[in-house]
Protein backbone atom coordinates (compact mmCIF):
# COMPACT_ATOMS: atom_id res chain seq x y z
CA MET A 1 7.74 4.23 45.76
CA MET A 2 7.95 7.01 43.18
CA SER A 3 9.68 4.78 40.60
CA LEU A 4 7.05 2.06 41.01
CA THR A 5 4.30 4.56 40.18
CA PHE A 6 6.30 5.76 37.20
CA MET A 7 6.81 2.16 36.04
CA GLN A 8 3.09 1.48 36.40
CA PHE A 9 2.39 4.60 34.35
CA LEU A 10 4.81 3.45 31.62
CA PHE A 11 3.22 0.00 31.53
CA ALA A 12 -0.31 1.43 31.33
CA PHE A 13 0.73 3.92 28.65
CA SER A 14 2.47 1.21 26.60
CA LEU A 15 -0.56 -1.05 26.89
CA MET A 16 -2.85 1.78 25.78
CA LEU A 17 -0.66 2.43 22.72
CA LEU A 18 -0.61 -1.28 21.85
CA VAL A 19 -4.39 -1.59 22.09
CA HIS A 20 -4.88 1.61 20.09
CA ALA A 21 -2.39 0.46 17.43
CA GLN A 22 -4.35 -2.75 16.86
CA ASP A 23 -7.65 -0.95 16.19
CA GLN A 24 -7.93 -1.33 12.42
CA SER A 25 -11.45 0.02 11.98
CA GLY A 26 -11.60 1.89 8.71
CA PHE A 27 -8.24 0.52 7.51
CA ILE A 28 -8.10 -0.61 3.89
CA SER A 29 -4.96 -2.67 3.25
CA ILE A 30 -4.66 -4.13 -0.22
CA ASP A 31 -1.98 -6.62 -1.27
CA CYS A 32 -1.74 -6.07 -5.02
CA GLY A 33 -1.35 -9.22 -7.09
CA ARG A 34 -2.70 -11.62 -4.44
CA ALA A 35 -5.11 -14.33 -5.51
CA GLU A 36 -8.81 -13.46 -5.44
CA ASN A 37 -10.56 -14.02 -2.07
CA PHE A 38 -7.17 -14.34 -0.35
CA SER A 39 -6.60 -12.43 2.89
CA TYR A 40 -4.06 -12.71 5.68
CA THR A 41 -2.68 -10.91 8.71
CA ASP A 42 0.88 -9.68 8.28
CA LEU A 43 2.92 -11.27 11.08
CA ASN A 44 5.22 -8.26 11.44
CA THR A 45 2.54 -5.56 11.68
CA GLY A 46 -0.64 -7.40 12.69
CA ILE A 47 -2.46 -5.64 9.84
CA GLU A 48 -4.99 -7.62 7.79
CA TYR A 49 -4.49 -7.48 4.01
CA ILE A 50 -6.92 -8.42 1.28
CA SER A 51 -6.49 -9.23 -2.41
CA ASP A 52 -6.76 -6.44 -4.96
CA ALA A 53 -8.98 -8.54 -7.27
CA ARG A 54 -12.22 -6.76 -6.36
CA PHE A 55 -10.73 -3.30 -6.95
CA ILE A 56 -9.39 -3.75 -10.49
CA ASP A 57 -9.99 -6.02 -13.49
CA THR A 58 -6.81 -5.36 -15.49
CA GLY A 59 -3.17 -6.27 -15.10
CA GLU A 60 -1.22 -9.41 -14.26
CA SER A 61 -0.21 -10.85 -10.89
CA LYS A 62 3.48 -11.56 -10.35
CA LEU A 63 5.73 -12.79 -7.53
CA ILE A 64 9.06 -11.26 -6.62
CA TRP A 65 12.09 -13.54 -6.56
CA PRO A 66 12.19 -15.74 -3.43
CA ASN A 67 15.65 -14.46 -2.44
CA GLN A 68 14.17 -10.94 -2.15
CA ARG A 69 11.34 -11.92 0.23
CA ASN A 70 13.45 -12.12 3.39
CA ASN A 71 14.04 -8.37 3.33
CA TYR A 72 10.40 -7.30 2.97
CA THR A 73 7.04 -7.88 4.60
CA GLN A 74 4.44 -10.09 2.95
CA PRO A 75 2.51 -7.31 1.11
CA TYR A 76 5.64 -6.78 -1.01
CA TRP A 77 5.98 -10.40 -2.12
CA THR A 78 3.42 -9.97 -4.90
CA LEU A 79 2.62 -7.18 -7.32
CA ARG A 80 0.27 -6.35 -10.14
CA ARG A 81 1.81 -5.11 -13.37
CA PHE A 82 0.05 -3.37 -16.22
CA PRO A 83 1.63 -4.24 -19.58
CA GLU A 84 -1.48 -3.11 -21.52
CA GLY A 85 -3.21 0.23 -21.61
CA THR A 86 -1.84 3.65 -20.80
CA ARG A 87 -3.89 4.16 -17.62
CA ASN A 88 -5.01 1.42 -15.20
CA CYS A 89 -7.02 2.39 -12.13
CA TYR A 90 -8.09 0.85 -8.85
CA LYS A 91 -11.54 1.91 -7.66
CA ILE A 92 -11.65 1.88 -3.86
CA ASN A 93 -14.78 2.68 -1.87
CA VAL A 94 -14.25 5.20 0.92
CA THR A 95 -16.33 7.51 3.11
CA SER A 96 -16.72 10.88 1.40
CA GLY A 97 -15.63 13.81 3.54
CA MET A 98 -13.36 11.65 5.72
CA LYS A 99 -9.66 12.47 5.71
CA TYR A 100 -7.36 9.58 4.71
CA LEU A 101 -3.67 8.89 4.65
CA ILE A 102 -3.20 7.04 1.36
CA ARG A 103 -0.01 5.05 0.81
CA ALA A 104 1.04 3.28 -2.37
CA GLY A 105 3.93 0.81 -2.08
CA PHE A 106 6.18 -0.50 -4.81
CA PHE A 107 8.89 -3.15 -4.80
CA TYR A 108 10.36 -4.23 -8.12
CA GLY A 109 12.61 -7.00 -6.76
CA ASN A 110 13.51 -7.87 -10.38
CA TYR A 111 10.29 -9.91 -10.56
CA ASP A 112 10.57 -10.18 -14.36
CA GLY A 113 14.28 -11.10 -14.48
CA ASP A 114 14.97 -8.15 -16.80
CA ASN A 115 16.58 -5.90 -14.18
CA LYS A 116 15.15 -2.85 -16.02
CA LEU A 117 13.81 -0.31 -13.54
CA PRO A 118 10.57 1.20 -14.82
CA VAL A 119 9.53 4.83 -14.45
CA PHE A 120 5.81 5.61 -14.42
CA GLU A 121 3.27 8.00 -12.98
CA LEU A 122 0.96 7.54 -10.04
CA HIS A 123 -2.31 9.46 -10.14
CA LEU A 124 -5.10 10.02 -7.65
CA GLY A 125 -8.09 10.31 -9.95
CA ALA A 126 -7.17 12.63 -12.80
CA ASN A 127 -4.45 14.38 -10.79
CA LEU A 128 -0.76 13.54 -10.87
CA TRP A 129 0.29 12.29 -7.43
CA ASP A 130 3.95 11.55 -8.16
CA THR A 131 6.38 9.93 -10.58
CA VAL A 132 7.66 6.54 -9.42
CA ARG A 133 11.41 6.02 -9.93
CA PHE A 134 13.67 3.42 -8.37
CA LYS A 135 17.24 3.69 -7.14
CA ASP A 136 17.83 -0.04 -7.71
CA ALA A 137 15.94 -3.33 -8.02
CA SER A 138 16.20 -4.10 -4.30
CA THR A 139 14.83 -0.82 -2.94
CA ASP A 140 11.15 -0.26 -2.27
CA LYS A 141 9.25 2.99 -2.78
CA LYS A 142 6.33 4.38 -0.82
CA LYS A 143 4.28 7.34 -1.91
CA GLU A 144 1.96 8.97 0.62
CA LEU A 145 -0.55 11.77 0.65
CA ILE A 146 -3.44 13.00 2.76
CA HIS A 147 -6.72 13.34 0.89
CA THR A 148 -10.35 14.08 1.72
CA PRO A 149 -12.49 12.50 -1.03
CA LEU A 150 -15.60 14.32 -2.21
CA ARG A 151 -17.15 11.07 -3.50
CA ASN A 152 -17.63 7.66 -1.90
CA TYR A 153 -14.72 6.21 -3.91
CA ILE A 154 -11.24 7.10 -5.10
CA HIS A 155 -9.23 6.01 -8.11
CA VAL A 156 -5.56 5.13 -7.65
CA CYS A 157 -4.12 4.99 -11.17
CA LEU A 158 -0.84 3.85 -12.70
CA VAL A 159 0.07 5.61 -15.93
CA ASP A 160 2.51 4.26 -18.50
CA ILE A 161 4.82 7.04 -19.75
CA GLY A 162 6.82 4.77 -22.08
CA SER A 163 9.64 3.95 -19.66
CA GLY A 164 8.81 0.43 -18.54
CA ILE A 165 5.76 -1.45 -17.28
CA PRO A 166 3.93 0.19 -14.35
CA PHE A 167 3.26 -1.99 -11.31
CA ILE A 168 2.15 -1.72 -7.68
CA SER A 169 2.70 -3.89 -4.60
CA ALA A 170 0.33 -2.47 -1.97
CA ILE A 171 -2.29 0.23 -1.37
CA GLU A 172 -3.13 1.29 2.16
CA LEU A 173 -5.73 3.76 3.38
CA ARG A 174 -5.88 4.95 6.98
CA PRO A 175 -8.68 7.21 8.22
CA LEU A 176 -7.41 10.27 10.08
CA PRO A 177 -9.08 12.41 12.72
CA ASN A 178 -10.64 15.50 11.14
CA GLU A 179 -8.44 17.76 13.27
CA THR A 180 -5.31 16.36 11.60
């Protein structure tokens, strides 16, 4: 009898986690390089992604090589590269004063056929967030930080430092409880 109660508890707890995990209120999930007005739900994660077209008006959309797609989820199949300008920024509306986990994802996948790994900077507004460097063409990078914006928008910027063309595959924002 004791194990049945424990099993029921495990089932209820697992169900609660599943339901909680699917609550995407406040999520902003941007697939960089996707066609304008295009959205989809990633089959692996259940997360809905939208195009980056309304957040930026510079750069070029590119696809990674088809043979690379099997190893990565759909948000990493496209990217936006920035061959012009030193600094290119996404403007994303947020709730000021709310704490966010902000994740930027990058997958080169030799999309350009050059097999030259770029190095560039990632900024949050005017502040350096990190330098993006790749181990090889088939490895993705994710950069994360926790930020509480003072305004109702943030700028996620890619900065060309003269070592290849900056690009980005995905931007994700997740609201966090204030006690975090």
